[in-house]
Amino acid sequence: MSRQLSVIGTGVIGNGWIARALARGWDVVAFDPAPEAPARTRAFVDNAWASLTRQGLAEGASPARLTFVDSLEAAVAGADLIQENVPERLDLKREILAALDAAAAPEVLIGSSTSGFKPSDLQRDCAKAPGRVIVAHPFNPVYLLPLVELVGGEATEPAEVERAAALYRELEMRPLAVRREIEGHIADRLMEALWREALHLVNDGVATTEEVDAAVVYGCGLRWSLMGTFLTFHLAGGEAGMRHMLEQFGPALKLPWTKIEAPELTEELIDRVVDGCEHQAAGRSVSELDRRRDDFLVELLDLVQKYWPEAEGLEGRI
């Protein structure tokens, strides 16, 4: 049976959802009021399709299964899943989600790609079935990276999150149900902490943007892509594991190694960060860098999936 994803808002994240669903053999119906949206989306999908083809397409997968419509109501007709991706403004998201809730059949789940807002705040103006409005936060590029954070709000029953997880698994994503709602969910809070520290290192003249990125690319990032933070530190404790690691290195947490509060974004710091990133880009366009990143991720995913827990028969582990 064919599935339909309805996508509201076609920026980078919305287009990522579109490309992923098309590659999995779904029909996609999209709405975006910007006149250039259809052309922009089709160019995005064309750019991503080579990587998706290398990764493996589902039977019947085709960019031709994308349709643009001219209203929210038309977009949600026949939807199995609705994904909202409008700009990160709470008032705008609440307005759009309330309209989607009013227009869609009450059993159809509505996922918001918000990176920071809590679902209870997003549900506030939904009158028909507010519990089906949840956070479904992905990561760029959505069409390759499998994580989606699922967060239910005050009106959400656990069964609705479970139903959402099953749908996102059909899109070959790895749903992570967040135990309770919090601004920024899980992954963005971790990335935000690293981002603030990175800005301090550049602001204080300790490192350039390129040097900060090198520290991640050639060091901790390679471990994180397989094991994450906790299991990596567990190994750092030797045969005694995490307990020994905490006994040995725990006292260092009291030392002033980090500055989690973000530095002031002065014009000087902004210029330093922008200049550093342009130096790293070395004249390559964003679309060129996208393709290079995608080539890397396809090969990396092919490798790491051989070492994920289910490859060892450990189903349901991370």
Protein backbone atom coordinates (compact mmCIF):
# COMPACT_ATOMS: atom_id res chain seq x y z
CA MET A 1 0.00 0.00 0.00
CA SER A 2 1.37 3.39 -1.00
CA ARG A 3 2.06 5.92 1.75
CA GLN A 4 1.72 9.71 1.49
CA LEU A 5 3.84 12.24 3.32
CA SER A 6 2.46 15.77 3.36
CA VAL A 7 5.19 18.38 3.75
CA ILE A 8 4.43 21.93 4.86
CA GLY A 9 7.34 24.31 4.24
CA THR A 10 10.12 23.42 1.82
CA GLY A 11 13.32 24.90 3.13
CA VAL A 12 16.40 22.73 3.65
CA ILE A 13 14.69 20.52 6.26
CA GLY A 14 11.37 20.24 4.43
CA ASN A 15 13.16 19.34 1.22
CA GLY A 16 15.21 16.77 3.12
CA TRP A 17 12.00 15.07 4.26
CA ILE A 18 10.72 15.13 0.68
CA ALA A 19 13.86 13.50 -0.71
CA ARG A 20 13.84 10.79 1.99
CA ALA A 21 10.17 9.91 1.48
CA LEU A 22 10.52 9.79 -2.31
CA ALA A 23 13.55 7.50 -1.97
CA ARG A 24 11.51 5.16 0.22
CA GLY A 25 8.80 4.89 -2.41
CA TRP A 26 6.27 7.22 -0.78
CA ASP A 27 4.08 9.77 -2.53
CA VAL A 28 4.79 13.32 -1.37
CA VAL A 29 2.41 16.27 -1.45
CA ALA A 30 4.03 19.60 -0.61
CA PHE A 31 2.81 23.12 0.14
CA ASP A 32 4.91 26.27 0.31
CA PRO A 33 3.55 29.71 -0.63
CA ALA A 34 6.88 30.87 -2.10
CA PRO A 35 6.52 31.02 -5.93
CA GLU A 36 10.01 29.57 -6.43
CA ALA A 37 9.43 26.65 -4.05
CA PRO A 38 8.62 23.90 -6.60
CA ALA A 39 11.68 24.63 -8.76
CA ARG A 40 13.90 24.93 -5.71
CA THR A 41 12.66 21.62 -4.29
CA ARG A 42 13.06 19.71 -7.54
CA ALA A 43 16.63 21.01 -7.87
CA PHE A 44 17.29 19.90 -4.28
CA VAL A 45 15.94 16.40 -4.92
CA ASP A 46 17.96 16.12 -8.14
CA ASN A 47 21.12 17.04 -6.22
CA ALA A 48 20.40 14.45 -3.51
CA TRP A 49 19.19 11.64 -5.76
CA ALA A 50 22.66 10.31 -6.70
CA SER A 51 23.50 9.74 -3.02
CA LEU A 52 20.12 8.18 -2.34
CA THR A 53 20.57 5.88 -5.33
CA ARG A 54 23.95 4.75 -4.02
CA GLN A 55 22.40 4.10 -0.63
CA GLY A 56 19.60 2.06 -2.19
CA LEU A 57 16.14 3.07 -3.37
CA ALA A 58 12.89 1.38 -2.42
CA GLU A 59 10.79 -0.23 -5.12
CA GLY A 60 8.84 2.41 -7.00
CA ALA A 61 10.95 5.29 -5.70
CA SER A 62 10.83 8.26 -8.05
CA PRO A 63 11.07 12.07 -7.92
CA ALA A 64 7.98 12.04 -10.12
CA ARG A 65 5.91 11.08 -7.07
CA LEU A 66 6.21 14.65 -5.76
CA THR A 67 3.21 16.96 -6.19
CA PHE A 68 2.95 20.62 -5.17
CA VAL A 69 -0.46 22.02 -4.23
CA ASP A 70 -1.67 25.54 -3.49
CA SER A 71 -3.21 25.19 -0.02
CA LEU A 72 -2.75 23.52 3.36
CA GLU A 73 -6.09 21.80 2.95
CA ALA A 74 -5.10 20.24 -0.37
CA ALA A 75 -1.72 19.22 1.05
CA VAL A 76 -3.13 17.16 3.92
CA ALA A 77 -5.86 15.38 1.94
CA GLY A 78 -5.05 11.67 1.94
CA ALA A 79 -1.98 12.06 4.18
CA ASP A 80 -0.58 9.19 6.24
CA LEU A 81 1.83 11.57 7.96
CA ILE A 82 2.16 15.36 7.98
CA GLN A 83 5.49 17.09 8.53
CA GLU A 84 5.58 20.81 9.40
CA ASN A 85 8.79 22.72 8.62
CA VAL A 86 7.94 26.42 8.76
CA PRO A 87 10.48 28.93 10.19
CA GLU A 88 11.40 28.61 13.87
CA ARG A 89 8.95 31.18 15.24
CA LEU A 90 6.54 29.92 17.89
CA ASP A 91 3.66 32.16 16.85
CA LEU A 92 3.95 31.06 13.22
CA LYS A 93 4.26 27.38 14.08
CA ARG A 94 1.22 27.52 16.38
CA GLU A 95 -0.82 29.22 13.67
CA ILE A 96 0.14 26.69 10.99
CA LEU A 97 -0.25 23.68 13.28
CA ALA A 98 -3.70 24.84 14.36
CA ALA A 99 -4.69 25.13 10.69
CA LEU A 100 -3.29 21.66 9.95
CA ASP A 101 -5.11 20.21 12.95
CA ALA A 102 -8.37 21.72 11.72
CA ALA A 103 -7.89 20.47 8.14
CA ALA A 104 -6.51 16.96 8.63
CA ALA A 105 -8.40 13.84 9.61
CA PRO A 106 -8.12 13.44 13.41
CA GLU A 107 -6.14 10.18 13.26
CA VAL A 108 -3.34 11.60 11.07
CA LEU A 109 -0.17 12.37 12.99
CA ILE A 110 1.41 15.82 12.61
CA GLY A 111 5.14 16.04 13.26
CA SER A 112 6.91 19.36 13.75
CA SER A 113 10.57 19.61 12.75
CA THR A 114 11.17 22.23 15.44
CA SER A 115 14.68 22.15 16.84
CA GLY A 116 13.79 23.78 20.14
CA PHE A 117 10.12 24.31 20.99
CA LYS A 118 8.23 22.03 23.37
CA PRO A 119 5.25 20.15 21.92
CA SER A 120 2.86 21.37 24.62
CA ASP A 121 3.48 24.92 23.41
CA LEU A 122 2.96 23.84 19.79
CA GLN A 123 -0.34 22.07 20.62
CA ARG A 124 -1.84 25.05 22.44
CA ASP A 125 -4.12 26.35 19.67
CA CYS A 126 -5.10 22.94 18.23
CA ALA A 127 -8.77 22.22 18.95
CA LYS A 128 -9.57 19.00 17.07
CA ALA A 129 -6.90 16.50 18.11
CA PRO A 130 -4.00 18.30 19.83
CA GLY A 131 -2.37 15.10 21.09
CA ARG A 132 -1.43 14.00 17.56
CA VAL A 133 0.77 17.11 17.19
CA ILE A 134 4.25 16.06 18.31
CA VAL A 135 7.87 17.07 17.83
CA ALA A 136 9.59 15.00 15.13
CA HIS A 137 12.99 16.64 14.96
CA PRO A 138 15.39 15.37 12.26
CA PHE A 139 18.99 16.25 11.36
CA ASN A 140 20.45 17.72 8.20
CA PRO A 141 20.69 16.12 5.68
CA VAL A 142 17.36 14.54 6.58
CA TYR A 143 17.46 12.24 3.55
CA LEU A 144 20.62 10.49 4.86
CA LEU A 145 20.87 10.94 8.65
CA PRO A 146 18.49 8.51 10.34
CA LEU A 147 17.83 10.07 13.76
CA VAL A 148 14.44 11.65 14.49
CA GLU A 149 13.67 12.83 18.03
CA LEU A 150 10.03 12.23 18.95
CA VAL A 151 8.51 14.24 21.80
CA GLY A 152 4.91 14.18 22.96
CA GLY A 153 3.19 17.07 24.73
CA GLU A 154 0.70 17.35 27.57
CA ALA A 155 -2.15 16.20 25.32
CA THR A 156 -0.21 13.30 23.77
CA GLU A 157 -0.88 9.70 24.76
CA PRO A 158 2.15 7.35 24.73
CA ALA A 159 0.43 5.27 22.04
CA GLU A 160 0.59 8.24 19.66
CA VAL A 161 4.37 8.47 20.03
CA GLU A 162 4.63 4.72 19.46
CA ARG A 163 2.48 5.02 16.34
CA ALA A 164 4.69 7.86 15.12
CA ALA A 165 7.81 5.77 15.71
CA ALA A 166 6.38 3.01 13.53
CA LEU A 167 5.68 5.45 10.69
CA TYR A 168 9.13 7.02 10.82
CA ARG A 169 10.68 3.54 10.80
CA GLU A 170 8.89 2.99 7.49
CA LEU A 171 10.96 5.96 6.27
CA GLU A 172 14.03 4.04 7.52
CA MET A 173 14.65 6.48 10.36
CA ARG A 174 15.77 5.64 13.87
CA PRO A 175 13.21 7.22 16.20
CA LEU A 176 14.39 8.36 19.64
CA ALA A 177 11.45 8.92 22.00
CA VAL A 178 12.44 11.70 24.41
CA ARG A 179 11.22 10.81 27.91
CA ARG A 180 9.94 14.29 28.75
CA GLU A 181 9.68 17.55 26.89
CA ILE A 182 12.45 20.09 27.26
CA GLU A 183 13.58 23.00 25.08
CA GLY A 184 16.09 21.80 22.50
CA HIS A 185 15.25 18.11 23.09
CA ILE A 186 18.45 16.01 23.44
CA ALA A 187 20.78 16.33 20.46
CA ASP A 188 20.44 20.07 19.95
CA ARG A 189 21.24 20.71 23.60
CA LEU A 190 24.44 18.70 23.16
CA MET A 191 25.33 20.45 19.91
CA GLU A 192 24.54 23.85 21.43
CA ALA A 193 26.98 23.23 24.29
CA LEU A 194 29.75 22.33 21.83
CA TRP A 195 28.85 25.31 19.65
CA ARG A 196 29.10 27.78 22.54
CA GLU A 197 32.48 26.42 23.59
CA ALA A 198 33.68 26.57 19.97
CA LEU A 199 32.69 30.24 19.76
CA HIS A 200 34.66 30.98 22.95
CA LEU A 201 37.77 29.26 21.53
CA VAL A 202 37.57 31.42 18.40
CA ASN A 203 36.65 34.58 20.34
CA ASP A 204 39.57 34.10 22.76
CA GLY A 205 42.06 33.55 19.96
CA VAL A 206 42.78 29.96 21.01
CA ALA A 207 41.87 28.48 17.62
CA THR A 208 40.48 29.31 14.19
CA THR A 209 37.22 27.81 12.92
CA GLU A 210 39.28 25.36 10.86
CA GLU A 211 41.30 24.23 13.88
CA VAL A 212 38.20 23.71 16.00
CA ASP A 213 36.64 21.60 13.24
CA ALA A 214 39.88 19.61 12.87
CA ALA A 215 39.73 18.69 16.56
CA VAL A 216 36.34 17.07 15.96
CA VAL A 217 36.91 15.63 12.47
CA TYR A 218 40.18 13.83 13.25
CA GLY A 219 39.55 13.06 16.93
CA CYS A 220 36.41 12.78 19.00
CA GLY A 221 34.03 12.88 16.02
CA LEU A 222 35.31 9.57 14.69
CA ARG A 223 34.52 7.87 18.00
CA TRP A 224 31.19 9.64 18.43
CA SER A 225 29.95 8.41 15.05
CA LEU A 226 29.97 4.85 16.41
CA MET A 227 29.75 4.97 20.20
CA GLY A 228 28.55 8.36 21.35
CA THR A 229 29.70 10.10 24.53
CA PHE A 230 28.95 7.66 27.33
CA LEU A 231 30.20 4.45 25.75
CA THR A 232 33.35 6.27 24.57
CA PHE A 233 34.09 7.33 28.16
CA HIS A 234 33.24 3.83 29.39
CA LEU A 235 36.13 2.54 27.28
CA ALA A 236 38.39 5.31 28.61
CA GLY A 237 38.20 3.63 32.03
CA GLY A 238 39.96 0.52 30.79
CA GLU A 239 38.74 -2.89 31.97
CA ALA A 240 37.08 -1.28 35.00
CA GLY A 241 34.94 0.83 32.66
CA MET A 242 32.96 3.94 33.52
CA ARG A 243 33.36 3.65 37.29
CA HIS A 244 37.15 3.89 37.03
CA MET A 245 36.88 6.64 34.43
CA LEU A 246 34.71 8.74 36.77
CA GLU A 247 37.01 8.09 39.73
CA GLN A 248 40.06 9.13 37.72
CA PHE A 249 38.71 12.00 35.64
CA GLY A 250 35.58 13.06 37.55
CA PRO A 251 37.42 15.66 39.67
CA ALA A 252 38.37 17.49 36.45
CA LEU A 253 34.69 18.43 36.07
CA LYS A 254 35.29 20.96 38.85
CA LEU A 255 38.10 22.63 36.89
CA PRO A 256 37.30 25.74 34.78
CA TRP A 257 37.89 24.01 31.44
CA THR A 258 34.75 25.19 29.70
CA LYS A 259 32.66 28.33 29.30
CA ILE A 260 29.17 27.07 28.53
CA GLU A 261 27.58 30.54 28.56
CA ALA A 262 27.84 31.82 25.00
CA PRO A 263 30.16 34.76 24.27
CA GLU A 264 28.64 38.01 23.04
CA LEU A 265 28.24 37.85 19.27
CA THR A 266 30.19 41.00 18.50
CA GLU A 267 30.72 42.10 14.91
CA GLU A 268 34.38 41.16 15.36
CA LEU A 269 33.51 37.58 16.39
CA ILE A 270 30.91 37.26 13.62
CA ASP A 271 33.48 38.41 11.04
CA ARG A 272 36.09 36.02 12.43
CA VAL A 273 33.72 33.05 12.24
CA VAL A 274 32.40 33.95 8.78
CA ASP A 275 35.90 34.55 7.38
CA GLY A 276 37.09 31.27 8.86
CA CYS A 277 34.24 29.30 7.32
CA GLU A 278 34.74 30.95 3.92
CA HIS A 279 38.42 30.00 4.11
CA GLN A 280 37.42 26.39 4.85
CA ALA A 281 34.93 26.38 1.96
CA ALA A 282 37.79 27.43 -0.37
CA GLY A 283 35.49 28.79 -3.04
CA ARG A 284 33.30 25.68 -3.20
CA SER A 285 29.56 26.31 -3.43
CA VAL A 286 27.16 25.01 -0.80
CA SER A 287 25.74 22.51 -3.30
CA GLU A 288 29.27 21.21 -4.00
CA LEU A 289 29.91 20.83 -0.29
CA ASP A 290 26.51 19.15 0.11
CA ARG A 291 27.45 16.51 -2.47
CA ARG A 292 30.86 15.96 -0.87
CA ARG A 293 29.23 15.56 2.55
CA ASP A 294 26.63 13.17 1.13
CA ASP A 295 29.27 11.01 -0.57
CA PHE A 296 31.07 10.76 2.77
CA LEU A 297 27.90 9.95 4.72
CA VAL A 298 26.81 7.21 2.32
CA GLU A 299 30.17 5.47 2.72
CA LEU A 300 30.27 6.08 6.47
CA LEU A 301 26.74 4.78 7.01
CA ASP A 302 27.57 1.69 4.98
CA LEU A 303 30.49 1.10 7.34
CA VAL A 304 28.96 1.91 10.72
CA GLN A 305 25.79 -0.10 10.09
CA LYS A 306 28.01 -3.21 10.08
CA TYR A 307 28.92 -2.33 13.69
CA TRP A 308 25.54 -1.13 15.03
CA PRO A 309 24.13 -3.33 17.83
CA GLU A 310 21.53 -5.08 15.68
CA ALA A 311 24.35 -6.41 13.47
CA GLU A 312 25.42 -8.33 16.60
CA GLY A 313 21.88 -9.48 17.29
CA LEU A 314 21.33 -6.86 20.02
CA GLU A 315 17.95 -5.57 18.87
CA GLY A 316 16.56 -2.52 20.64
CA ARG A 317 19.97 -1.29 21.81
CA ILE A 318 21.69 1.92 20.86
